[in-house]
N, C-alpha and C. Protein backbone atom coordinates (compact mmCIF):
# COMPACT_ATOMS: atom_id res chain seq x y z
N MET A 1 -219.11 63.82 -128.98
CA MET A 1 -219.59 64.06 -130.33
C MET A 1 -219.60 65.55 -130.65
N SER A 2 -219.97 66.38 -129.67
CA SER A 2 -220.02 67.82 -129.95
C SER A 2 -218.63 68.39 -130.16
N ARG A 3 -217.63 67.80 -129.50
CA ARG A 3 -216.26 68.26 -129.68
C ARG A 3 -215.77 67.91 -131.09
N LEU A 4 -216.14 66.73 -131.56
CA LEU A 4 -215.79 66.31 -132.92
C LEU A 4 -216.43 67.23 -133.95
N ILE A 5 -217.68 67.57 -133.73
CA ILE A 5 -218.38 68.47 -134.65
C ILE A 5 -217.76 69.86 -134.62
N LYS A 6 -217.35 70.30 -133.43
CA LYS A 6 -216.70 71.61 -133.30
C LYS A 6 -215.43 71.66 -134.14
N TYR A 7 -214.60 70.62 -134.04
CA TYR A 7 -213.37 70.58 -134.83
C TYR A 7 -213.65 70.40 -136.32
N TYR A 8 -214.71 69.68 -136.63
CA TYR A 8 -215.12 69.51 -138.02
C TYR A 8 -215.48 70.87 -138.63
N LEU A 9 -216.25 71.66 -137.90
CA LEU A 9 -216.66 72.97 -138.41
C LEU A 9 -215.49 73.94 -138.50
N ILE A 10 -214.56 73.87 -137.56
CA ILE A 10 -213.36 74.73 -137.62
C ILE A 10 -212.55 74.38 -138.86
N ALA A 11 -212.34 73.08 -139.08
CA ALA A 11 -211.58 72.65 -140.27
C ALA A 11 -212.30 73.04 -141.55
N THR A 12 -213.62 72.95 -141.55
CA THR A 12 -214.39 73.32 -142.73
C THR A 12 -214.25 74.80 -143.03
N ARG A 13 -214.32 75.64 -142.01
CA ARG A 13 -214.15 77.08 -142.22
C ARG A 13 -212.76 77.41 -142.76
N LYS A 14 -211.76 76.73 -142.25
CA LYS A 14 -210.39 76.97 -142.73
C LYS A 14 -210.22 76.52 -144.18
N LEU A 15 -210.84 75.41 -144.54
CA LEU A 15 -210.77 74.94 -145.92
C LEU A 15 -211.49 75.89 -146.86
N VAL A 16 -212.64 76.39 -146.44
CA VAL A 16 -213.38 77.36 -147.27
C VAL A 16 -212.53 78.61 -147.47
N LEU A 17 -211.91 79.09 -146.42
CA LEU A 17 -211.05 80.27 -146.52
C LEU A 17 -209.87 80.00 -147.46
N PHE A 18 -209.27 78.83 -147.34
CA PHE A 18 -208.15 78.48 -148.21
C PHE A 18 -208.56 78.48 -149.68
N PHE A 19 -209.70 77.89 -149.99
CA PHE A 19 -210.13 77.83 -151.39
C PHE A 19 -210.56 79.20 -151.92
N LEU A 20 -211.11 80.04 -151.05
CA LEU A 20 -211.43 81.41 -151.48
C LEU A 20 -210.15 82.19 -151.80
N VAL A 21 -209.14 82.04 -150.96
CA VAL A 21 -207.86 82.72 -151.22
C VAL A 21 -207.22 82.17 -152.49
N ALA A 22 -207.29 80.86 -152.70
CA ALA A 22 -206.73 80.27 -153.92
C ALA A 22 -207.43 80.79 -155.17
N ILE A 23 -208.74 80.95 -155.10
CA ILE A 23 -209.48 81.49 -156.24
C ILE A 23 -209.07 82.94 -156.50
N CYS A 24 -209.01 83.74 -155.44
CA CYS A 24 -208.62 85.15 -155.60
C CYS A 24 -207.21 85.27 -156.15
N PHE A 25 -206.29 84.46 -155.65
CA PHE A 25 -204.92 84.52 -156.13
C PHE A 25 -204.84 84.10 -157.60
N SER A 26 -205.57 83.08 -157.98
CA SER A 26 -205.55 82.62 -159.38
C SER A 26 -206.14 83.68 -160.31
N ILE A 27 -207.20 84.33 -159.87
CA ILE A 27 -207.79 85.39 -160.69
C ILE A 27 -206.82 86.57 -160.80
N PHE A 28 -206.19 86.93 -159.69
CA PHE A 28 -205.21 88.01 -159.70
C PHE A 28 -204.05 87.67 -160.65
N LEU A 29 -203.57 86.46 -160.59
CA LEU A 29 -202.49 86.02 -161.47
C LEU A 29 -202.93 86.08 -162.94
N GLN A 30 -204.15 85.67 -163.20
CA GLN A 30 -204.67 85.72 -164.57
C GLN A 30 -204.76 87.17 -165.07
N ILE A 31 -205.17 88.09 -164.21
CA ILE A 31 -205.26 89.50 -164.60
C ILE A 31 -203.88 90.08 -164.88
N ILE A 32 -202.92 89.79 -164.01
CA ILE A 32 -201.55 90.29 -164.21
C ILE A 32 -200.97 89.76 -165.52
N VAL A 33 -201.17 88.50 -165.78
CA VAL A 33 -200.64 87.89 -167.01
C VAL A 33 -201.25 88.56 -168.24
N ARG A 34 -202.55 88.79 -168.22
CA ARG A 34 -203.21 89.41 -169.37
C ARG A 34 -202.87 90.89 -169.49
N LEU A 35 -202.62 91.56 -168.37
CA LEU A 35 -202.31 92.97 -168.38
C LEU A 35 -200.97 93.25 -169.05
N PHE A 36 -199.99 92.40 -168.80
CA PHE A 36 -198.66 92.60 -169.36
C PHE A 36 -198.40 91.76 -170.62
N ASN A 37 -199.45 91.19 -171.19
CA ASN A 37 -199.38 90.43 -172.44
C ASN A 37 -198.37 89.27 -172.39
N PHE A 38 -198.25 88.65 -171.24
CA PHE A 38 -197.44 87.44 -171.16
C PHE A 38 -198.23 86.30 -171.77
N THR A 39 -197.59 85.17 -171.93
CA THR A 39 -198.33 84.02 -172.40
C THR A 39 -199.36 83.65 -171.35
N GLN A 40 -200.51 83.26 -171.81
CA GLN A 40 -201.62 83.01 -170.90
C GLN A 40 -201.37 81.75 -170.07
N PHE A 41 -201.64 81.86 -168.78
CA PHE A 41 -201.52 80.71 -167.90
C PHE A 41 -202.85 79.95 -167.92
N SER A 42 -202.92 78.89 -168.68
CA SER A 42 -204.16 78.13 -168.77
C SER A 42 -204.43 77.32 -167.52
N PHE A 43 -203.37 77.01 -166.79
CA PHE A 43 -203.56 76.17 -165.60
C PHE A 43 -204.35 76.89 -164.52
N THR A 44 -204.36 78.22 -164.54
CA THR A 44 -205.13 78.93 -163.52
C THR A 44 -206.62 78.69 -163.68
N LEU A 45 -207.07 78.48 -164.90
CA LEU A 45 -208.49 78.18 -165.10
C LEU A 45 -208.86 76.84 -164.49
N GLU A 46 -207.98 75.86 -164.61
CA GLU A 46 -208.22 74.56 -163.98
C GLU A 46 -208.23 74.69 -162.46
N ILE A 47 -207.33 75.50 -161.94
CA ILE A 47 -207.27 75.70 -160.49
C ILE A 47 -208.57 76.35 -160.00
N ILE A 48 -209.03 77.35 -160.73
CA ILE A 48 -210.27 78.03 -160.34
C ILE A 48 -211.46 77.08 -160.39
N GLN A 49 -211.55 76.27 -161.44
CA GLN A 49 -212.67 75.32 -161.54
C GLN A 49 -212.65 74.31 -160.40
N LEU A 50 -211.47 73.78 -160.10
CA LEU A 50 -211.37 72.81 -159.01
C LEU A 50 -211.68 73.47 -157.67
N CYS A 51 -211.18 74.67 -157.45
CA CYS A 51 -211.43 75.36 -156.18
C CYS A 51 -212.91 75.70 -156.01
N LEU A 52 -213.58 76.07 -157.09
CA LEU A 52 -215.02 76.35 -156.98
C LEU A 52 -215.80 75.10 -156.63
N LEU A 53 -215.45 73.98 -157.22
CA LEU A 53 -216.10 72.72 -156.90
C LEU A 53 -215.86 72.34 -155.44
N LEU A 54 -214.62 72.46 -154.99
CA LEU A 54 -214.30 72.14 -153.61
C LEU A 54 -214.94 73.14 -152.64
N LEU A 55 -215.06 74.38 -153.06
CA LEU A 55 -215.70 75.39 -152.22
C LEU A 55 -217.17 75.04 -151.98
N VAL A 56 -217.85 74.58 -153.01
CA VAL A 56 -219.24 74.16 -152.85
C VAL A 56 -219.32 72.97 -151.90
N ALA A 57 -218.42 72.00 -152.07
CA ALA A 57 -218.45 70.81 -151.23
C ALA A 57 -218.23 71.14 -149.76
N PHE A 58 -217.36 72.11 -149.48
CA PHE A 58 -217.06 72.43 -148.10
C PHE A 58 -217.99 73.48 -147.50
N THR A 59 -218.73 74.19 -148.33
CA THR A 59 -219.64 75.21 -147.83
C THR A 59 -221.01 74.64 -147.46
N LEU A 60 -221.43 73.57 -148.11
CA LEU A 60 -222.75 73.00 -147.83
C LEU A 60 -222.95 72.62 -146.37
N PRO A 61 -221.99 71.95 -145.71
CA PRO A 61 -222.21 71.67 -144.28
C PRO A 61 -222.28 72.93 -143.41
N LEU A 62 -221.53 73.95 -143.78
CA LEU A 62 -221.59 75.20 -142.99
C LEU A 62 -222.97 75.83 -143.08
N VAL A 63 -223.56 75.81 -144.25
CA VAL A 63 -224.91 76.35 -144.42
C VAL A 63 -225.91 75.53 -143.61
N LEU A 64 -225.74 74.23 -143.62
CA LEU A 64 -226.65 73.37 -142.87
C LEU A 64 -226.54 73.61 -141.37
N PHE A 65 -225.33 73.71 -140.85
CA PHE A 65 -225.15 73.92 -139.42
C PHE A 65 -225.52 75.33 -138.99
N SER A 66 -225.46 76.31 -139.89
CA SER A 66 -225.86 77.67 -139.52
C SER A 66 -227.38 77.80 -139.48
N GLN A 67 -228.08 76.82 -139.99
CA GLN A 67 -229.55 76.74 -140.00
C GLN A 67 -230.17 77.94 -140.71
N GLU A 68 -229.56 78.35 -141.79
CA GLU A 68 -230.12 79.44 -142.58
C GLU A 68 -230.66 78.90 -143.90
N LEU A 69 -231.30 77.76 -143.83
CA LEU A 69 -231.88 77.15 -145.01
C LEU A 69 -233.27 77.70 -145.27
N LEU A 70 -233.67 77.70 -146.50
CA LEU A 70 -235.01 78.11 -146.86
C LEU A 70 -235.98 76.99 -146.50
N LYS A 71 -236.97 77.31 -145.69
CA LYS A 71 -237.94 76.31 -145.27
C LYS A 71 -239.33 76.76 -145.70
N ILE A 72 -240.03 75.87 -146.35
CA ILE A 72 -241.40 76.12 -146.76
C ILE A 72 -242.27 75.06 -146.11
N GLN A 73 -243.23 75.48 -145.31
CA GLN A 73 -244.08 74.53 -144.61
C GLN A 73 -245.42 74.46 -145.31
N ILE A 74 -245.68 73.32 -145.93
CA ILE A 74 -246.95 73.12 -146.64
C ILE A 74 -247.92 72.37 -145.74
N PHE A 75 -247.44 71.30 -145.14
CA PHE A 75 -248.27 70.51 -144.25
C PHE A 75 -247.86 70.80 -142.82
N ASN A 76 -248.74 70.49 -141.89
CA ASN A 76 -248.46 70.74 -140.49
C ASN A 76 -247.67 69.55 -139.93
N LEU A 77 -246.39 69.46 -140.30
CA LEU A 77 -245.53 68.37 -139.87
C LEU A 77 -244.41 68.92 -138.99
N ASN A 78 -243.77 68.04 -138.29
CA ASN A 78 -242.59 68.42 -137.52
C ASN A 78 -241.44 68.57 -138.51
N THR A 79 -241.20 69.78 -138.97
CA THR A 79 -240.21 69.99 -140.03
C THR A 79 -238.79 69.73 -139.54
N ASN A 80 -238.53 69.90 -138.24
CA ASN A 80 -237.19 69.65 -137.72
C ASN A 80 -236.85 68.16 -137.84
N LEU A 81 -237.78 67.30 -137.46
CA LEU A 81 -237.56 65.86 -137.57
C LEU A 81 -237.47 65.44 -139.03
N LEU A 82 -238.33 65.99 -139.85
CA LEU A 82 -238.31 65.67 -141.28
C LEU A 82 -236.99 66.11 -141.91
N LEU A 83 -236.51 67.29 -141.54
CA LEU A 83 -235.24 67.78 -142.06
C LEU A 83 -234.09 66.87 -141.64
N LYS A 84 -234.10 66.41 -140.40
CA LYS A 84 -233.05 65.53 -139.92
C LYS A 84 -233.06 64.18 -140.64
N VAL A 85 -234.23 63.62 -140.84
CA VAL A 85 -234.33 62.33 -141.54
C VAL A 85 -233.88 62.47 -142.98
N LEU A 86 -234.37 63.50 -143.67
CA LEU A 86 -233.98 63.69 -145.06
C LEU A 86 -232.49 64.03 -145.19
N THR A 87 -231.96 64.78 -144.23
CA THR A 87 -230.53 65.10 -144.25
C THR A 87 -229.69 63.86 -144.03
N PHE A 88 -230.13 62.99 -143.13
CA PHE A 88 -229.40 61.75 -142.89
C PHE A 88 -229.41 60.87 -144.15
N LEU A 89 -230.58 60.73 -144.76
CA LEU A 89 -230.67 59.92 -145.98
C LEU A 89 -229.83 60.53 -147.11
N ALA A 90 -229.85 61.85 -147.23
CA ALA A 90 -229.04 62.51 -148.25
C ALA A 90 -227.55 62.31 -147.96
N GLY A 91 -227.17 62.34 -146.68
CA GLY A 91 -225.78 62.12 -146.31
C GLY A 91 -225.32 60.71 -146.66
N ILE A 92 -226.15 59.72 -146.38
CA ILE A 92 -225.80 58.33 -146.71
C ILE A 92 -225.71 58.16 -148.22
N LEU A 93 -226.68 58.69 -148.96
CA LEU A 93 -226.66 58.60 -150.42
C LEU A 93 -225.44 59.31 -151.00
N LEU A 94 -225.13 60.49 -150.48
CA LEU A 94 -223.96 61.25 -150.95
C LEU A 94 -222.66 60.53 -150.60
N LEU A 95 -222.63 59.88 -149.45
CA LEU A 95 -221.44 59.15 -149.04
C LEU A 95 -221.11 58.03 -150.03
N PHE A 96 -222.11 57.22 -150.35
CA PHE A 96 -221.87 56.10 -151.25
C PHE A 96 -221.66 56.55 -152.70
N SER A 97 -222.44 57.53 -153.14
CA SER A 97 -222.29 57.95 -154.54
C SER A 97 -220.98 58.69 -154.78
N SER A 98 -220.54 59.48 -153.82
CA SER A 98 -219.26 60.17 -154.02
C SER A 98 -218.09 59.19 -153.98
N CYS A 99 -218.19 58.16 -153.14
CA CYS A 99 -217.14 57.12 -153.15
C CYS A 99 -217.11 56.40 -154.48
N LYS A 100 -218.28 56.01 -154.96
CA LYS A 100 -218.35 55.25 -156.21
C LYS A 100 -217.84 56.08 -157.38
N LEU A 101 -218.32 57.30 -157.51
CA LEU A 101 -217.90 58.15 -158.63
C LEU A 101 -216.45 58.59 -158.50
N GLY A 102 -216.00 58.83 -157.28
CA GLY A 102 -214.62 59.23 -157.07
C GLY A 102 -213.64 58.14 -157.46
N ILE A 103 -213.97 56.90 -157.09
CA ILE A 103 -213.10 55.79 -157.44
C ILE A 103 -213.15 55.50 -158.94
N GLN A 104 -214.35 55.58 -159.52
CA GLN A 104 -214.48 55.32 -160.96
C GLN A 104 -213.71 56.33 -161.81
N ASN A 105 -213.72 57.58 -161.39
CA ASN A 105 -213.11 58.64 -162.20
C ASN A 105 -211.72 59.04 -161.73
N TRP A 106 -211.13 58.28 -160.80
CA TRP A 106 -209.84 58.64 -160.28
C TRP A 106 -208.75 58.59 -161.34
N TRP A 107 -208.89 57.71 -162.30
CA TRP A 107 -207.83 57.51 -163.30
C TRP A 107 -207.90 58.51 -164.43
N GLN A 108 -209.00 59.25 -164.56
CA GLN A 108 -209.06 60.32 -165.55
C GLN A 108 -208.39 61.56 -164.97
N LYS A 109 -207.63 62.25 -165.79
CA LYS A 109 -206.87 63.41 -165.31
C LYS A 109 -207.28 64.67 -166.07
N THR A 110 -207.08 65.81 -165.43
CA THR A 110 -207.30 67.08 -166.11
C THR A 110 -206.21 67.30 -167.14
N PRO A 111 -206.47 68.06 -168.20
CA PRO A 111 -205.49 68.17 -169.29
C PRO A 111 -204.14 68.78 -168.90
N LEU A 112 -204.14 69.83 -168.13
CA LEU A 112 -202.88 70.54 -167.87
C LEU A 112 -202.19 70.13 -166.58
N LEU A 113 -202.92 70.12 -165.50
CA LEU A 113 -202.31 69.85 -164.19
C LEU A 113 -202.29 68.37 -163.82
N LYS A 114 -202.99 67.56 -164.59
CA LYS A 114 -203.05 66.11 -164.34
C LYS A 114 -203.61 65.79 -162.95
N ILE A 115 -204.60 66.56 -162.54
CA ILE A 115 -205.28 66.32 -161.27
C ILE A 115 -206.36 65.27 -161.52
N PRO A 116 -206.48 64.25 -160.67
CA PRO A 116 -207.52 63.24 -160.88
C PRO A 116 -208.91 63.86 -160.81
N LEU A 117 -209.77 63.52 -161.76
CA LEU A 117 -211.13 64.05 -161.76
C LEU A 117 -211.95 63.49 -160.59
N GLY A 118 -211.57 62.34 -160.09
CA GLY A 118 -212.28 61.76 -158.95
C GLY A 118 -212.13 62.57 -157.68
N LEU A 119 -211.14 63.44 -157.63
CA LEU A 119 -210.93 64.27 -156.45
C LEU A 119 -212.14 65.17 -156.18
N GLY A 120 -212.75 65.67 -157.25
CA GLY A 120 -213.93 66.50 -157.09
C GLY A 120 -215.10 65.75 -156.48
N TYR A 121 -215.24 64.47 -156.85
CA TYR A 121 -216.31 63.66 -156.26
C TYR A 121 -215.99 63.27 -154.83
N LEU A 122 -214.73 62.95 -154.57
CA LEU A 122 -214.36 62.54 -153.22
C LEU A 122 -214.43 63.69 -152.22
N ALA A 123 -214.38 64.92 -152.71
CA ALA A 123 -214.53 66.07 -151.81
C ALA A 123 -215.91 66.10 -151.18
N PHE A 124 -216.88 65.52 -151.85
CA PHE A 124 -218.24 65.52 -151.30
C PHE A 124 -218.41 64.49 -150.18
N LEU A 125 -217.37 63.70 -149.91
CA LEU A 125 -217.38 62.87 -148.70
C LEU A 125 -217.43 63.76 -147.47
N TRP A 126 -216.70 64.87 -147.52
CA TRP A 126 -216.70 65.83 -146.41
C TRP A 126 -218.12 66.37 -146.19
N THR A 127 -218.81 66.64 -147.28
CA THR A 127 -220.18 67.13 -147.19
C THR A 127 -221.09 66.06 -146.59
N ALA A 128 -220.92 64.82 -147.04
CA ALA A 128 -221.74 63.72 -146.53
C ALA A 128 -221.53 63.53 -145.03
N ILE A 129 -220.29 63.63 -144.58
CA ILE A 129 -220.01 63.50 -143.15
C ILE A 129 -220.68 64.63 -142.37
N GLY A 130 -220.66 65.84 -142.93
CA GLY A 130 -221.34 66.96 -142.28
C GLY A 130 -222.84 66.76 -142.21
N PHE A 131 -223.44 66.23 -143.27
CA PHE A 131 -224.87 65.96 -143.26
C PHE A 131 -225.22 64.93 -142.19
N ILE A 132 -224.41 63.89 -142.09
CA ILE A 132 -224.68 62.84 -141.09
C ILE A 132 -224.48 63.39 -139.68
N PHE A 133 -223.43 64.17 -139.46
CA PHE A 133 -223.24 64.81 -138.15
C PHE A 133 -224.45 65.67 -137.78
N TYR A 134 -224.93 66.43 -138.75
CA TYR A 134 -226.08 67.30 -138.46
C TYR A 134 -227.31 66.49 -138.08
N ALA A 135 -227.54 65.40 -138.80
CA ALA A 135 -228.73 64.60 -138.54
C ALA A 135 -228.65 63.88 -137.20
N LEU A 136 -227.46 63.57 -136.73
CA LEU A 136 -227.31 62.83 -135.48
C LEU A 136 -227.20 63.71 -134.24
N THR A 137 -227.15 65.02 -134.41
CA THR A 137 -227.03 65.91 -133.26
C THR A 137 -228.34 66.67 -133.05
N ASN A 138 -228.47 67.25 -131.89
CA ASN A 138 -229.68 68.01 -131.55
C ASN A 138 -229.40 69.49 -131.75
N HIS A 139 -230.23 70.12 -132.56
CA HIS A 139 -230.12 71.56 -132.80
C HIS A 139 -231.51 72.15 -132.66
N ASP A 140 -231.57 73.36 -132.13
CA ASP A 140 -232.84 74.07 -132.08
C ASP A 140 -233.08 74.72 -133.41
N SER A 141 -234.31 74.66 -133.88
CA SER A 141 -234.61 75.30 -135.16
C SER A 141 -235.43 76.54 -134.97
């Protein structure tokens, strides 16, 4: 299981890097186009919006595994166990809701690039898998 999580985190880091580079390249392209008064590339805005959504989906598990979450302790409870239970429940809820919304919205397309809108919801399956992996493994807090 730890080997699977290791490869999961490596793939997640590579995906985050890819989407950051795609955002930077799209912004650079948009600046060049506007600088030389070419016709505006509207598709770069769609690319940036999609990449930002996917960046959030792939960054959430990294934040969870790095254990740099904001924790506020109000009651004297075992917050590590509570965090794991709530993370597992959130992962299961996110798994089913992202599947449902992704399938429902798959047939709607973006105006210019014709990318399925359900892709943004299905990207959160990766996040749900990360949440479930985190809840099922032992980490020191």
